[in-house]
Amino acid sequence: MHDIVNLEGLGVPSVFVASSEFIEAADAQASALGADPARVFVPHPIQDRTDDELRTLADDAVDQILAAITSPTITSPTIAAPTIAAPTDEGA
């Protein structure tokens, strides 16, 4: 969040991207910094995804990221709609 706020302060259009698990933390951090940067959240979790699943998450989010970075004002964070299921703990 600090990096996005700093970049925006330098006039560099930026978008904060994180998994949906961090929505509340991102909101709290943005508030603490006195900022309201553009935010796009992808479905959580990330770490157990295959390369193909990660590409799908990125593909699903790219239009929202581009819209956020090119929009003159952002009023609320967006959540990229998932097209793949969350990993399961099967076989663990």
C-alpha atoms as a PDB file:
ATOM      1  CA  MET A   1       0.000   0.000   0.000  1.00  0.00           C
ATOM      2  CA  HIS A   2       2.827   2.404   0.836  1.00  0.00           C
ATOM      3  CA  ASP A   3       4.357   1.898  -2.612  1.00  0.00           C
ATOM      4  CA  ILE A   4       1.071   2.628  -4.370  1.00  0.00           C
ATOM      5  CA  VAL A   5       0.500   5.771  -2.298  1.00  0.00           C
ATOM      6  CA  ASN A   6       4.076   6.911  -2.977  1.00  0.00           C
ATOM      7  CA  LEU A   7       3.772   6.267  -6.710  1.00  0.00           C
ATOM      8  CA  GLU A   8       0.464   8.100  -6.880  1.00  0.00           C
ATOM      9  CA  GLY A   9       2.059  10.997  -5.009  1.00  0.00           C
ATOM     10  CA  LEU A  10       4.712  11.140  -7.740  1.00  0.00           C
ATOM     11  CA  GLY A  11       2.026  11.247 -10.412  1.00  0.00           C
ATOM     12  CA  VAL A  12       2.483   7.640 -11.506  1.00  0.00           C
ATOM     13  CA  PRO A  13      -0.914   5.982 -12.069  1.00  0.00           C
ATOM     14  CA  SER A  14      -1.038   2.886  -9.868  1.00  0.00           C
ATOM     15  CA  VAL A  15      -3.379   0.129  -8.731  1.00  0.00           C
ATOM     16  CA  PHE A  16      -3.074  -1.945  -5.556  1.00  0.00           C
ATOM     17  CA  VAL A  17      -3.667  -5.643  -6.337  1.00  0.00           C
ATOM     18  CA  ALA A  18      -4.058  -8.257  -3.609  1.00  0.00           C
ATOM     19  CA  SER A  19      -6.123 -11.312  -2.765  1.00  0.00           C
ATOM     20  CA  SER A  20      -9.554 -10.919  -1.220  1.00  0.00           C
ATOM     21  CA  GLU A  21      -8.213 -12.014   2.164  1.00  0.00           C
ATOM     22  CA  PHE A  22      -6.609  -8.578   2.505  1.00  0.00           C
ATOM     23  CA  ILE A  23      -9.582  -6.307   1.797  1.00  0.00           C
ATOM     24  CA  GLU A  24     -10.003  -5.144   5.400  1.00  0.00           C
ATOM     25  CA  ALA A  25      -6.258  -4.755   5.953  1.00  0.00           C
ATOM     26  CA  ALA A  26      -5.905  -2.743   2.740  1.00  0.00           C
ATOM     27  CA  ASP A  27      -8.800  -0.484   3.733  1.00  0.00           C
ATOM     28  CA  ALA A  28      -7.284   0.068   7.192  1.00  0.00           C
ATOM     29  CA  GLN A  29      -3.830   0.792   5.769  1.00  0.00           C
ATOM     30  CA  ALA A  30      -5.212   3.186   3.161  1.00  0.00           C
ATOM     31  CA  SER A  31      -7.177   4.992   5.846  1.00  0.00           C
ATOM     32  CA  ALA A  32      -4.112   5.211   8.099  1.00  0.00           C
ATOM     33  CA  LEU A  33      -2.157   6.715   5.210  1.00  0.00           C
ATOM     34  CA  GLY A  34      -4.956   9.155   4.407  1.00  0.00           C
ATOM     35  CA  ALA A  35      -5.205   7.757   0.894  1.00  0.00           C
ATOM     36  CA  ASP A  36      -7.778   6.062  -1.287  1.00  0.00           C
ATOM     37  CA  PRO A  37      -5.800   4.312  -4.015  1.00  0.00           C
ATOM     38  CA  ALA A  38      -7.395   2.179  -6.701  1.00  0.00           C
ATOM     39  CA  ARG A  39      -7.670  -1.425  -5.522  1.00  0.00           C
ATOM     40  CA  VAL A  40      -8.441  -4.700  -7.271  1.00  0.00           C
ATOM     41  CA  PHE A  41      -8.745  -7.924  -5.305  1.00  0.00           C
ATOM     42  CA  VAL A  42      -8.439 -11.422  -6.742  1.00  0.00           C
ATOM     43  CA  PRO A  43      -9.821 -14.572  -5.139  1.00  0.00           C
ATOM     44  CA  HIS A  44      -7.879 -15.993  -2.206  1.00  0.00           C
ATOM     45  CA  PRO A  45      -5.759 -18.104  -1.762  1.00  0.00           C
ATOM     46  CA  ILE A  46      -2.897 -17.508  -4.176  1.00  0.00           C
ATOM     47  CA  GLN A  47       0.019 -19.622  -2.970  1.00  0.00           C
ATOM     48  CA  ASP A  48      -1.419 -23.054  -3.790  1.00  0.00           C
ATOM     49  CA  ARG A  49      -2.507 -22.177  -7.328  1.00  0.00           C
ATOM     50  CA  THR A  50      -1.039 -23.835 -10.394  1.00  0.00           C
ATOM     51  CA  ASP A  51       0.557 -21.690 -13.078  1.00  0.00           C
ATOM     52  CA  ASP A  52      -2.556 -22.094 -15.231  1.00  0.00           C
ATOM     53  CA  GLU A  53      -4.817 -21.057 -12.345  1.00  0.00           C
ATOM     54  CA  LEU A  54      -2.666 -17.975 -11.716  1.00  0.00           C
ATOM     55  CA  ARG A  55      -2.857 -17.043 -15.400  1.00  0.00           C
ATOM     56  CA  THR A  56      -6.642 -17.352 -15.205  1.00  0.00           C
ATOM     57  CA  LEU A  57      -6.748 -15.108 -12.109  1.00  0.00           C
ATOM     58  CA  ALA A  58      -4.615 -12.541 -13.933  1.00  0.00           C
ATOM     59  CA  ASP A  59      -6.760 -12.764 -17.066  1.00  0.00           C
ATOM     60  CA  ASP A  60      -9.889 -12.284 -14.975  1.00  0.00           C
ATOM     61  CA  ALA A  61      -8.458  -9.212 -13.246  1.00  0.00           C
ATOM     62  CA  VAL A  62      -6.637  -7.425 -16.069  1.00  0.00           C
ATOM     63  CA  ASP A  63      -9.679  -5.514 -17.396  1.00  0.00           C
ATOM     64  CA  GLN A  64     -10.505  -4.263 -13.899  1.00  0.00           C
ATOM     65  CA  ILE A  65      -6.878  -3.250 -13.337  1.00  0.00           C
ATOM     66  CA  LEU A  66      -6.749  -1.378 -16.645  1.00  0.00           C
ATOM     67  CA  ALA A  67     -10.074   0.313 -15.900  1.00  0.00           C
ATOM     68  CA  ALA A  68      -8.856   1.342 -12.457  1.00  0.00           C
ATOM     69  CA  ILE A  69      -5.538   2.686 -13.700  1.00  0.00           C
ATOM     70  CA  THR A  70      -7.132   4.711 -16.490  1.00  0.00           C
ATOM     71  CA  SER A  71     -10.088   6.027 -14.496  1.00  0.00           C
ATOM     72  CA  PRO A  72      -9.778   9.630 -13.286  1.00  0.00           C
ATOM     73  CA  THR A  73     -11.453   8.770  -9.972  1.00  0.00           C
ATOM     74  CA  ILE A  74     -11.886   5.499  -8.116  1.00  0.00           C
ATOM     75  CA  THR A  75     -14.665   5.328  -5.575  1.00  0.00           C
ATOM     76  CA  SER A  76     -14.401   1.773  -4.332  1.00  0.00           C
ATOM     77  CA  PRO A  77     -12.234  -1.313  -4.656  1.00  0.00           C
ATOM     78  CA  THR A  78     -13.272  -4.035  -7.057  1.00  0.00           C
ATOM     79  CA  ILE A  79     -13.083  -7.774  -6.723  1.00  0.00           C
ATOM     80  CA  ALA A  80     -12.201  -9.786  -9.804  1.00  0.00           C
ATOM     81  CA  ALA A  81     -14.842 -12.427 -10.437  1.00  0.00           C
ATOM     82  CA  PRO A  82     -13.356 -15.903 -10.084  1.00  0.00           C
ATOM     83  CA  THR A  83     -13.693 -18.358 -12.937  1.00  0.00           C
ATOM     84  CA  ILE A  84     -11.822 -21.152 -11.161  1.00  0.00           C
ATOM     85  CA  ALA A  85     -12.501 -22.904  -7.899  1.00  0.00           C
ATOM     86  CA  ALA A  86     -10.366 -22.426  -4.819  1.00  0.00           C
ATOM     87  CA  PRO A  87      -7.834 -25.198  -4.204  1.00  0.00           C
ATOM     88  CA  THR A  88      -8.952 -27.952  -1.858  1.00  0.00           C
ATOM     89  CA  ASP A  89      -7.067 -29.851   0.809  1.00  0.00           C
ATOM     90  CA  GLU A  90      -7.797 -33.217  -0.860  1.00  0.00           C
ATOM     91  CA  GLY A  91      -5.021 -35.690  -0.411  1.00  0.00           C
ATOM     92  CA  ALA A  92      -3.424 -33.690   2.387  1.00  0.00           C
END
